Amino acid sequence: MTSSGRVFVGPKTLGELFDTFEQEAFRLETLDDYSKSGNVDVYRAFLAGEPQPADYNEAWVSELRSHTSKGRRVYRVHTLSRPLTPYLRFELGWGYQRNATGGEEFFILDITEKANPLQGAPDFWLFDNIAPAVMNYAEDGSFLGTDVLPDERAGEFRTYRDTALAHAVPFPEWWAKYRE
């Protein structure tokens, strides 16, 4: 139940969850490479050393602004280890920098020199603390779809989120130290 007393009645789609969340949307990213899941041409441009397109990710940044301008929080933790994969250099250097202009917040859980406290946790979104949506990927990083889970499952995803945040540092702090 949200602070307004609203209860999500599942199942919903990921798009519907984005359209209806009231307070916050949290994302946990666990993969080193999402290059086959979208923005393939822009990723190739990054690898080729081309400049970032001026309109890169503009639709997402616009959506972010529509939420954050209403006081809604959109934030994520990415679990990773160094050295960064080419895709992570792209995502953090181009994606996170651009998305931050829309108000999205980023945190890094760097497991380079420590055990992963989220071993086995899936990639997911959690909306308003009650609506989990698991993001499914193939071995090669291709996006396979989303499973919106029943609200009763939200507790385990709040635990994943809270554990991630307890071990993560704000992206700007991490980036200043480890930028490649």
N, C-alpha and C. Protein backbone atom coordinates (compact mmCIF):
# COMPACT_ATOMS: atom_id res chain seq x y z
N MET A 1 0.84 -1.17 0.00
CA MET A 1 0.00 0.00 0.00
C MET A 1 0.89 1.23 0.00
N THR A 2 0.58 2.21 -0.81
CA THR A 2 1.33 3.45 -0.85
C THR A 2 0.83 4.38 0.25
N SER A 3 1.53 5.48 0.48
CA SER A 3 1.12 6.42 1.52
C SER A 3 -0.26 7.00 1.24
N SER A 4 -0.70 6.97 0.00
CA SER A 4 -2.03 7.48 -0.33
C SER A 4 -3.09 6.41 -0.13
N GLY A 5 -2.67 5.22 0.28
CA GLY A 5 -3.61 4.15 0.51
C GLY A 5 -3.90 3.30 -0.72
N ARG A 6 -3.26 3.60 -1.82
CA ARG A 6 -3.48 2.87 -3.06
C ARG A 6 -2.76 1.53 -3.01
N VAL A 7 -3.41 0.50 -3.45
CA VAL A 7 -2.82 -0.83 -3.55
C VAL A 7 -2.74 -1.19 -5.02
N PHE A 8 -1.58 -1.68 -5.44
CA PHE A 8 -1.47 -2.16 -6.81
C PHE A 8 -2.24 -3.45 -6.94
N VAL A 9 -3.01 -3.57 -7.96
CA VAL A 9 -3.72 -4.81 -8.24
C VAL A 9 -3.07 -5.39 -9.48
N GLY A 10 -2.37 -6.49 -9.32
CA GLY A 10 -1.62 -7.05 -10.43
C GLY A 10 -2.47 -7.94 -11.29
N PRO A 11 -1.94 -8.49 -12.34
CA PRO A 11 -0.63 -8.07 -12.84
C PRO A 11 -0.74 -6.82 -13.70
N LYS A 12 0.29 -6.05 -13.68
CA LYS A 12 0.40 -4.87 -14.53
C LYS A 12 1.62 -5.06 -15.42
N THR A 13 1.74 -4.19 -16.39
CA THR A 13 2.93 -4.21 -17.23
C THR A 13 3.95 -3.25 -16.63
N LEU A 14 5.18 -3.38 -17.07
CA LEU A 14 6.22 -2.44 -16.62
C LEU A 14 5.83 -1.02 -17.00
N GLY A 15 5.32 -0.84 -18.20
CA GLY A 15 4.88 0.50 -18.62
C GLY A 15 3.80 1.07 -17.72
N GLU A 16 2.84 0.24 -17.35
CA GLU A 16 1.77 0.71 -16.45
C GLU A 16 2.34 1.08 -15.08
N LEU A 17 3.30 0.32 -14.60
CA LEU A 17 3.91 0.65 -13.32
C LEU A 17 4.62 2.00 -13.39
N PHE A 18 5.31 2.27 -14.50
CA PHE A 18 5.95 3.58 -14.67
C PHE A 18 4.92 4.69 -14.76
N ASP A 19 3.80 4.41 -15.37
CA ASP A 19 2.76 5.43 -15.52
C ASP A 19 2.03 5.72 -14.23
N THR A 20 2.03 4.79 -13.29
CA THR A 20 1.19 4.95 -12.10
C THR A 20 1.93 5.07 -10.79
N PHE A 21 3.25 4.91 -10.75
CA PHE A 21 3.91 5.00 -9.44
C PHE A 21 3.79 6.41 -8.90
N GLU A 22 3.74 6.50 -7.56
CA GLU A 22 3.47 7.78 -6.91
C GLU A 22 4.65 8.37 -6.18
N GLN A 23 5.55 7.51 -5.68
CA GLN A 23 6.63 8.02 -4.85
C GLN A 23 8.02 7.69 -5.37
N GLU A 24 8.26 6.42 -5.67
CA GLU A 24 9.61 6.06 -6.09
C GLU A 24 9.64 4.83 -6.98
N ALA A 25 10.66 4.82 -7.83
CA ALA A 25 10.96 3.68 -8.68
C ALA A 25 12.44 3.38 -8.49
N PHE A 26 12.73 2.17 -8.02
CA PHE A 26 14.10 1.74 -7.76
C PHE A 26 14.48 0.64 -8.75
N ARG A 27 15.71 0.69 -9.22
CA ARG A 27 16.22 -0.32 -10.17
C ARG A 27 17.51 -0.90 -9.63
N LEU A 28 17.62 -2.22 -9.67
CA LEU A 28 18.88 -2.90 -9.39
C LEU A 28 19.40 -3.46 -10.70
N GLU A 29 20.62 -3.09 -11.05
CA GLU A 29 21.30 -3.62 -12.24
C GLU A 29 22.43 -4.52 -11.77
N THR A 30 22.52 -5.71 -12.36
CA THR A 30 23.53 -6.67 -11.92
C THR A 30 24.46 -7.15 -13.03
N LEU A 31 24.17 -6.79 -14.27
CA LEU A 31 24.94 -7.29 -15.40
C LEU A 31 26.06 -6.33 -15.80
N ASP A 32 27.09 -6.88 -16.43
CA ASP A 32 28.20 -6.09 -16.95
C ASP A 32 27.97 -5.63 -18.38
N ASP A 33 26.95 -6.18 -19.02
CA ASP A 33 26.75 -5.87 -20.43
C ASP A 33 25.27 -5.99 -20.80
N TYR A 34 24.68 -4.86 -21.15
CA TYR A 34 23.30 -4.80 -21.64
C TYR A 34 23.28 -4.34 -23.09
N SER A 35 24.39 -4.54 -23.79
CA SER A 35 24.55 -3.95 -25.12
C SER A 35 23.58 -4.48 -26.16
N LYS A 36 22.99 -5.62 -25.93
CA LYS A 36 22.04 -6.17 -26.90
C LYS A 36 20.60 -5.87 -26.50
N SER A 37 20.42 -4.98 -25.53
CA SER A 37 19.09 -4.68 -25.01
C SER A 37 18.55 -3.32 -25.43
N GLY A 38 19.27 -2.60 -26.23
CA GLY A 38 18.80 -1.29 -26.68
C GLY A 38 19.97 -0.35 -26.92
N ASN A 39 19.73 0.70 -27.65
CA ASN A 39 20.76 1.71 -27.96
C ASN A 39 21.99 1.11 -28.62
N VAL A 40 21.79 0.08 -29.42
CA VAL A 40 22.91 -0.63 -30.05
C VAL A 40 23.73 0.31 -30.93
N ASP A 41 23.07 1.14 -31.73
CA ASP A 41 23.80 2.05 -32.63
C ASP A 41 24.60 3.08 -31.85
N VAL A 42 24.04 3.58 -30.76
CA VAL A 42 24.75 4.56 -29.94
C VAL A 42 25.94 3.90 -29.25
N TYR A 43 25.77 2.67 -28.81
CA TYR A 43 26.87 1.94 -28.19
C TYR A 43 28.01 1.75 -29.20
N ARG A 44 27.66 1.41 -30.44
CA ARG A 44 28.70 1.27 -31.48
C ARG A 44 29.42 2.60 -31.71
N ALA A 45 28.67 3.69 -31.69
CA ALA A 45 29.28 5.02 -31.86
C ALA A 45 30.27 5.29 -30.72
N PHE A 46 29.88 4.94 -29.50
CA PHE A 46 30.77 5.10 -28.35
C PHE A 46 32.05 4.30 -28.56
N LEU A 47 31.91 3.03 -28.96
CA LEU A 47 33.08 2.18 -29.17
C LEU A 47 33.98 2.72 -30.28
N ALA A 48 33.39 3.37 -31.26
CA ALA A 48 34.15 3.93 -32.38
C ALA A 48 34.79 5.27 -32.04
N GLY A 49 34.54 5.77 -30.82
CA GLY A 49 35.13 7.04 -30.41
C GLY A 49 34.40 8.26 -30.94
N GLU A 50 33.19 8.07 -31.43
CA GLU A 50 32.41 9.20 -31.94
C GLU A 50 31.85 10.01 -30.77
N PRO A 51 31.48 11.26 -31.03
CA PRO A 51 30.88 12.06 -29.96
C PRO A 51 29.46 11.57 -29.63
N GLN A 52 29.07 11.84 -28.41
CA GLN A 52 27.72 11.46 -27.98
C GLN A 52 26.69 12.28 -28.74
N PRO A 53 25.68 11.63 -29.33
CA PRO A 53 24.63 12.37 -30.04
C PRO A 53 23.90 13.31 -29.07
N ALA A 54 23.57 14.49 -29.53
CA ALA A 54 22.92 15.48 -28.67
C ALA A 54 21.58 15.00 -28.14
N ASP A 55 20.90 14.17 -28.90
CA ASP A 55 19.58 13.70 -28.48
C ASP A 55 19.61 12.32 -27.84
N TYR A 56 20.79 11.82 -27.49
CA TYR A 56 20.90 10.49 -26.90
C TYR A 56 20.05 10.38 -25.65
N ASN A 57 19.22 9.36 -25.60
CA ASN A 57 18.39 9.02 -24.45
C ASN A 57 17.36 10.09 -24.10
N GLU A 58 17.04 10.97 -25.03
CA GLU A 58 16.16 12.10 -24.72
C GLU A 58 14.77 11.66 -24.29
N ALA A 59 14.23 10.59 -24.85
CA ALA A 59 12.89 10.13 -24.45
C ALA A 59 12.89 9.70 -22.98
N TRP A 60 13.93 8.99 -22.56
CA TRP A 60 14.01 8.56 -21.17
C TRP A 60 14.23 9.75 -20.25
N VAL A 61 15.10 10.67 -20.63
CA VAL A 61 15.34 11.85 -19.81
C VAL A 61 14.06 12.67 -19.66
N SER A 62 13.29 12.76 -20.73
CA SER A 62 12.01 13.47 -20.67
C SER A 62 11.05 12.77 -19.71
N GLU A 63 11.00 11.44 -19.78
CA GLU A 63 10.14 10.71 -18.84
C GLU A 63 10.61 10.91 -17.40
N LEU A 64 11.92 10.86 -17.19
CA LEU A 64 12.46 11.10 -15.86
C LEU A 64 12.02 12.46 -15.33
N ARG A 65 12.16 13.48 -16.16
CA ARG A 65 11.77 14.83 -15.74
C ARG A 65 10.29 14.90 -15.38
N SER A 66 9.46 14.17 -16.14
CA SER A 66 8.03 14.20 -15.84
C SER A 66 7.75 13.62 -14.46
N HIS A 67 8.56 12.68 -14.01
CA HIS A 67 8.39 12.11 -12.67
C HIS A 67 9.06 12.96 -11.60
N THR A 68 10.31 13.30 -11.81
CA THR A 68 11.05 14.01 -10.77
C THR A 68 10.52 15.42 -10.54
N SER A 69 9.94 16.03 -11.57
CA SER A 69 9.35 17.37 -11.39
C SER A 69 8.12 17.33 -10.49
N LYS A 70 7.56 16.13 -10.30
CA LYS A 70 6.40 15.95 -9.41
C LYS A 70 6.82 15.41 -8.05
N GLY A 71 8.13 15.40 -7.79
CA GLY A 71 8.63 14.94 -6.51
C GLY A 71 8.81 13.44 -6.39
N ARG A 72 8.69 12.73 -7.49
CA ARG A 72 8.89 11.29 -7.47
C ARG A 72 10.38 10.99 -7.62
N ARG A 73 10.83 9.99 -6.93
CA ARG A 73 12.24 9.61 -6.96
C ARG A 73 12.44 8.43 -7.90
N VAL A 74 13.45 8.53 -8.78
CA VAL A 74 13.87 7.42 -9.64
C VAL A 74 15.36 7.23 -9.36
N TYR A 75 15.72 6.02 -8.92
CA TYR A 75 17.10 5.78 -8.53
C TYR A 75 17.47 4.33 -8.75
N ARG A 76 18.78 4.10 -8.85
CA ARG A 76 19.24 2.74 -9.11
C ARG A 76 20.60 2.49 -8.48
N VAL A 77 20.86 1.21 -8.28
CA VAL A 77 22.17 0.72 -7.84
C VAL A 77 22.64 -0.25 -8.91
N HIS A 78 23.90 -0.09 -9.31
CA HIS A 78 24.51 -1.05 -10.23
C HIS A 78 25.62 -1.77 -9.48
N THR A 79 25.52 -3.09 -9.45
CA THR A 79 26.56 -3.93 -8.87
C THR A 79 27.58 -4.21 -9.97
N LEU A 80 28.86 -3.91 -9.69
CA LEU A 80 29.89 -4.09 -10.71
C LEU A 80 31.24 -4.33 -10.08
N SER A 81 32.18 -4.74 -10.92
CA SER A 81 33.57 -4.85 -10.48
C SER A 81 34.46 -4.24 -11.56
N ARG A 82 35.62 -3.82 -11.13
CA ARG A 82 36.60 -3.23 -12.03
C ARG A 82 37.60 -4.30 -12.45
N PRO A 83 38.22 -4.16 -13.63
CA PRO A 83 38.05 -3.07 -14.59
C PRO A 83 36.68 -3.15 -15.26
N LEU A 84 36.20 -2.00 -15.66
CA LEU A 84 34.88 -1.92 -16.29
C LEU A 84 34.91 -2.55 -17.68
N THR A 85 33.82 -3.18 -18.02
CA THR A 85 33.65 -3.68 -19.39
C THR A 85 33.45 -2.47 -20.30
N PRO A 86 33.67 -2.63 -21.60
CA PRO A 86 33.38 -1.52 -22.51
C PRO A 86 31.93 -1.02 -22.36
N TYR A 87 31.00 -1.96 -22.17
CA TYR A 87 29.61 -1.52 -22.02
C TYR A 87 29.42 -0.68 -20.76
N LEU A 88 30.02 -1.07 -19.65
CA LEU A 88 29.88 -0.27 -18.43
C LEU A 88 30.51 1.11 -18.58
N ARG A 89 31.62 1.20 -19.30
CA ARG A 89 32.20 2.53 -19.55
C ARG A 89 31.21 3.39 -20.33
N PHE A 90 30.51 2.78 -21.28
CA PHE A 90 29.48 3.48 -22.05
C PHE A 90 28.29 3.85 -21.15
N GLU A 91 27.77 2.89 -20.42
CA GLU A 91 26.59 3.15 -19.60
C GLU A 91 26.84 4.22 -18.55
N LEU A 92 27.96 4.12 -17.85
CA LEU A 92 28.26 5.08 -16.80
C LEU A 92 28.68 6.43 -17.38
N GLY A 93 29.50 6.39 -18.42
CA GLY A 93 30.02 7.63 -18.99
C GLY A 93 29.01 8.41 -19.81
N TRP A 94 28.20 7.71 -20.58
CA TRP A 94 27.20 8.40 -21.39
C TRP A 94 25.82 8.32 -20.76
N GLY A 95 25.38 7.11 -20.42
CA GLY A 95 24.02 6.91 -19.93
C GLY A 95 23.74 7.58 -18.60
N TYR A 96 24.53 7.26 -17.59
CA TYR A 96 24.27 7.82 -16.26
C TYR A 96 24.43 9.33 -16.26
N GLN A 97 25.43 9.82 -16.97
CA GLN A 97 25.65 11.27 -17.01
C GLN A 97 24.43 11.97 -17.63
N ARG A 98 23.92 11.40 -18.72
CA ARG A 98 22.76 12.00 -19.40
C ARG A 98 21.50 11.86 -18.55
N ASN A 99 21.26 10.68 -18.02
CA ASN A 99 20.04 10.44 -17.25
C ASN A 99 19.97 11.29 -15.99
N ALA A 100 21.12 11.59 -15.42
CA ALA A 100 21.15 12.43 -14.22
C ALA A 100 20.56 13.81 -14.50
N THR A 101 20.63 14.27 -15.75
CA THR A 101 20.05 15.58 -16.08
C THR A 101 18.53 15.56 -15.98
N GLY A 102 17.94 14.37 -15.96
CA GLY A 102 16.50 14.23 -15.77
C GLY A 102 16.12 13.98 -14.32
N GLY A 103 17.12 13.94 -13.45
CA GLY A 103 16.85 13.78 -12.02
C GLY A 103 17.02 12.37 -11.48
N GLU A 104 17.44 11.42 -12.33
CA GLU A 104 17.66 10.07 -11.83
C GLU A 104 18.92 10.05 -10.97
N GLU A 105 18.87 9.28 -9.89
CA GLU A 105 20.01 9.14 -8.97
C GLU A 105 20.65 7.77 -9.18
N PHE A 106 21.98 7.73 -9.05
CA PHE A 106 22.72 6.50 -9.28
C PHE A 106 23.65 6.21 -8.12
N PHE A 107 23.79 4.92 -7.82
CA PHE A 107 24.69 4.44 -6.79
C PHE A 107 25.43 3.23 -7.35
N ILE A 108 26.67 3.04 -6.87
CA ILE A 108 27.50 1.93 -7.33
C ILE A 108 27.84 1.03 -6.15
N LEU A 109 27.59 -0.26 -6.33
CA LEU A 109 28.01 -1.26 -5.36
C LEU A 109 29.19 -1.98 -6.02
N ASP A 110 30.39 -1.54 -5.67
CA ASP A 110 31.62 -2.06 -6.27
C ASP A 110 32.08 -3.28 -5.49
N ILE A 111 32.08 -4.43 -6.16
CA ILE A 111 32.46 -5.69 -5.49
C ILE A 111 33.83 -6.17 -5.94
N THR A 112 34.65 -5.23 -6.44
CA THR A 112 35.98 -5.60 -6.92
C THR A 112 36.80 -6.32 -5.86
N GLU A 113 36.77 -5.83 -4.66
CA GLU A 113 37.62 -6.39 -3.60
C GLU A 113 36.82 -6.94 -2.44
N LYS A 114 35.55 -7.30 -2.69
CA LYS A 114 34.74 -7.84 -1.60
C LYS A 114 33.66 -8.75 -2.17
N ALA A 115 33.07 -9.52 -1.29
CA ALA A 115 32.00 -10.44 -1.69
C ALA A 115 30.76 -9.64 -2.07
N ASN A 116 30.00 -10.20 -2.98
CA ASN A 116 28.76 -9.56 -3.42
C ASN A 116 27.66 -9.86 -2.40
N PRO A 117 27.17 -8.85 -1.69
CA PRO A 117 26.10 -9.09 -0.71
C PRO A 117 24.76 -9.40 -1.37
N LEU A 118 24.69 -9.27 -2.69
CA LEU A 118 23.45 -9.52 -3.42
C LEU A 118 23.59 -10.71 -4.36
N GLN A 119 24.51 -11.62 -4.05
CA GLN A 119 24.72 -12.79 -4.91
C GLN A 119 23.39 -13.47 -5.21
N GLY A 120 23.09 -13.63 -6.48
CA GLY A 120 21.87 -14.28 -6.89
C GLY A 120 20.66 -13.38 -7.03
N ALA A 121 20.78 -12.13 -6.66
CA ALA A 121 19.64 -11.20 -6.81
C ALA A 121 19.41 -10.93 -8.28
N PRO A 122 18.15 -10.85 -8.69
CA PRO A 122 17.86 -10.56 -10.10
C PRO A 122 17.91 -9.07 -10.38
N ASP A 123 17.97 -8.73 -11.65
CA ASP A 123 17.74 -7.35 -12.08
C ASP A 123 16.26 -7.08 -11.87
N PHE A 124 15.93 -5.92 -11.35
CA PHE A 124 14.52 -5.63 -11.13
C PHE A 124 14.26 -4.14 -10.96
N TRP A 125 12.99 -3.79 -11.08
CA TRP A 125 12.45 -2.50 -10.68
C TRP A 125 11.53 -2.77 -9.49
N LEU A 126 11.46 -1.83 -8.56
CA LEU A 126 10.52 -1.89 -7.45
C LEU A 126 9.83 -0.54 -7.38
N PHE A 127 8.52 -0.54 -7.50
CA PHE A 127 7.73 0.69 -7.53
C PHE A 127 6.99 0.88 -6.22
N ASP A 128 7.16 2.05 -5.62
CA ASP A 128 6.44 2.43 -4.40
C ASP A 128 6.54 1.37 -3.31
N ASN A 129 7.64 0.66 -3.27
CA ASN A 129 7.91 -0.35 -2.25
C ASN A 129 7.01 -1.57 -2.31
N ILE A 130 6.12 -1.64 -3.28
CA ILE A 130 5.16 -2.74 -3.26
C ILE A 130 5.01 -3.50 -4.57
N ALA A 131 5.55 -3.00 -5.65
CA ALA A 131 5.33 -3.63 -6.95
C ALA A 131 6.66 -3.99 -7.60
N PRO A 132 7.11 -5.27 -7.45
CA PRO A 132 8.37 -5.68 -8.07
C PRO A 132 8.17 -6.17 -9.50
N ALA A 133 9.14 -5.84 -10.35
CA ALA A 133 9.13 -6.30 -11.74
C ALA A 133 10.54 -6.79 -12.07
N VAL A 134 10.68 -8.08 -12.31
CA VAL A 134 11.98 -8.70 -12.59
C VAL A 134 12.28 -8.55 -14.08
N MET A 135 13.48 -8.09 -14.38
CA MET A 135 13.96 -7.92 -15.74
C MET A 135 14.74 -9.18 -16.12
N ASN A 136 14.34 -9.82 -17.22
CA ASN A 136 14.96 -11.08 -17.63
C ASN A 136 15.86 -10.86 -18.85
N TYR A 137 17.06 -11.45 -18.78
CA TYR A 137 18.05 -11.31 -19.84
C TYR A 137 18.61 -12.67 -20.21
N ALA A 138 18.96 -12.82 -21.48
CA ALA A 138 19.63 -14.02 -21.97
C ALA A 138 21.10 -13.96 -21.57
N GLU A 139 21.79 -15.05 -21.76
CA GLU A 139 23.23 -15.12 -21.45
C GLU A 139 24.02 -14.02 -22.17
N ASP A 140 23.60 -13.66 -23.39
CA ASP A 140 24.34 -12.66 -24.16
C ASP A 140 23.89 -11.23 -23.84
N GLY A 141 23.01 -11.06 -22.85
CA GLY A 141 22.57 -9.73 -22.46
C GLY A 141 21.33 -9.23 -23.19
N SER A 142 20.76 -10.04 -24.07
CA SER A 142 19.54 -9.64 -24.77
C SER A 142 18.38 -9.63 -23.78
N PHE A 143 17.55 -8.60 -23.86
CA PHE A 143 16.40 -8.48 -22.98
C PHE A 143 15.32 -9.45 -23.42
N LEU A 144 14.82 -10.24 -22.48
CA LEU A 144 13.81 -11.26 -22.78
C LEU A 144 12.40 -10.86 -22.35
N GLY A 145 12.31 -9.88 -21.47
CA GLY A 145 11.00 -9.46 -21.00
C GLY A 145 10.98 -9.24 -19.50
N THR A 146 9.83 -8.84 -19.02
CA THR A 146 9.65 -8.49 -17.62
C THR A 146 8.59 -9.37 -17.00
N ASP A 147 8.85 -9.79 -15.78
CA ASP A 147 7.84 -10.49 -14.99
C ASP A 147 7.41 -9.57 -13.86
N VAL A 148 6.18 -9.06 -13.93
CA VAL A 148 5.64 -8.27 -12.83
C VAL A 148 5.10 -9.27 -11.81
N LEU A 149 5.66 -9.20 -10.62
CA LEU A 149 5.34 -10.17 -9.58
C LEU A 149 4.20 -9.68 -8.70
N PRO A 150 3.56 -10.60 -8.00
CA PRO A 150 2.50 -10.18 -7.07
C PRO A 150 3.06 -9.29 -5.96
N ASP A 151 2.22 -8.39 -5.48
CA ASP A 151 2.62 -7.46 -4.43
C ASP A 151 3.17 -8.19 -3.20
N GLU A 152 2.69 -9.41 -2.95
CA GLU A 152 3.13 -10.17 -1.78
C GLU A 152 4.63 -10.47 -1.82
N ARG A 153 5.22 -10.40 -2.99
CA ARG A 153 6.67 -10.68 -3.14
C ARG A 153 7.53 -9.46 -2.88
N ALA A 154 6.93 -8.31 -2.66
CA ALA A 154 7.68 -7.05 -2.54
C ALA A 154 8.70 -7.06 -1.40
N GLY A 155 8.42 -7.76 -0.32
CA GLY A 155 9.33 -7.77 0.83
C GLY A 155 10.74 -8.20 0.48
N GLU A 156 10.88 -9.26 -0.32
CA GLU A 156 12.22 -9.72 -0.68
C GLU A 156 12.95 -8.70 -1.55
N PHE A 157 12.21 -7.95 -2.36
CA PHE A 157 12.83 -6.94 -3.22
C PHE A 157 13.18 -5.68 -2.43
N ARG A 158 12.41 -5.36 -1.41
CA ARG A 158 12.80 -4.27 -0.51
C ARG A 158 14.09 -4.64 0.21
N THR A 159 14.24 -5.92 0.59
CA THR A 159 15.47 -6.37 1.24
C THR A 159 16.65 -6.24 0.29
N TYR A 160 16.48 -6.67 -0.97
CA TYR A 160 17.55 -6.50 -1.96
C TYR A 160 17.91 -5.02 -2.08
N ARG A 161 16.90 -4.16 -2.22
CA ARG A 161 17.15 -2.72 -2.37
C ARG A 161 17.90 -2.17 -1.17
N ASP A 162 17.42 -2.49 0.02
CA ASP A 162 18.04 -1.95 1.24
C ASP A 162 19.47 -2.44 1.40
N THR A 163 19.72 -3.70 1.05
CA THR A 163 21.08 -4.24 1.11
C THR A 163 21.97 -3.53 0.10
N ALA A 164 21.46 -3.36 -1.11
CA ALA A 164 22.24 -2.67 -2.16
C ALA A 164 22.62 -1.26 -1.71
N LEU A 165 21.65 -0.52 -1.21
CA LEU A 165 21.91 0.86 -0.80
C LEU A 165 22.86 0.93 0.40
N ALA A 166 22.79 -0.05 1.29
CA ALA A 166 23.67 -0.06 2.46
C ALA A 166 25.13 -0.27 2.08
N HIS A 167 25.38 -0.91 0.93
CA HIS A 167 26.75 -1.21 0.51
C HIS A 167 27.23 -0.34 -0.66
N ALA A 168 26.37 0.49 -1.18
CA ALA A 168 26.71 1.29 -2.36
C ALA A 168 27.15 2.70 -1.97
N VAL A 169 27.81 3.34 -2.93
CA VAL A 169 28.19 4.75 -2.75
C VAL A 169 27.55 5.55 -3.89
N PRO A 170 27.32 6.83 -3.66
CA PRO A 170 26.76 7.66 -4.73
C PRO A 170 27.67 7.62 -5.96
N PHE A 171 27.04 7.52 -7.12
CA PHE A 171 27.79 7.43 -8.37
C PHE A 171 28.81 8.57 -8.54
N PRO A 172 28.44 9.84 -8.31
CA PRO A 172 29.44 10.90 -8.53
C PRO A 172 30.72 10.69 -7.71
N GLU A 173 30.58 10.21 -6.49
CA GLU A 173 31.73 9.94 -5.63
C GLU A 173 32.56 8.78 -6.20
N TRP A 174 31.90 7.70 -6.60
CA TRP A 174 32.59 6.56 -7.17
C TRP A 174 33.26 6.93 -8.49
N TRP A 175 32.55 7.66 -9.35
CA TRP A 175 33.06 8.04 -10.66
C TRP A 175 34.29 8.93 -10.54
N ALA A 176 34.28 9.83 -9.59
CA ALA A 176 35.44 10.71 -9.38
C ALA A 176 36.69 9.91 -9.01
N LYS A 177 36.49 8.80 -8.34
CA LYS A 177 37.61 7.97 -7.89
C LYS A 177 38.07 6.95 -8.94
N TYR A 178 37.12 6.36 -9.66
CA TYR A 178 37.43 5.21 -10.52
C TYR A 178 37.19 5.42 -12.02
N ARG A 179 36.79 6.60 -12.41
CA ARG A 179 36.50 6.83 -13.83
C ARG A 179 37.64 6.31 -14.69
N GLU A 180 37.26 5.59 -15.75
CA GLU A 180 38.28 5.03 -16.65
C GLU A 180 38.29 5.79 -17.95
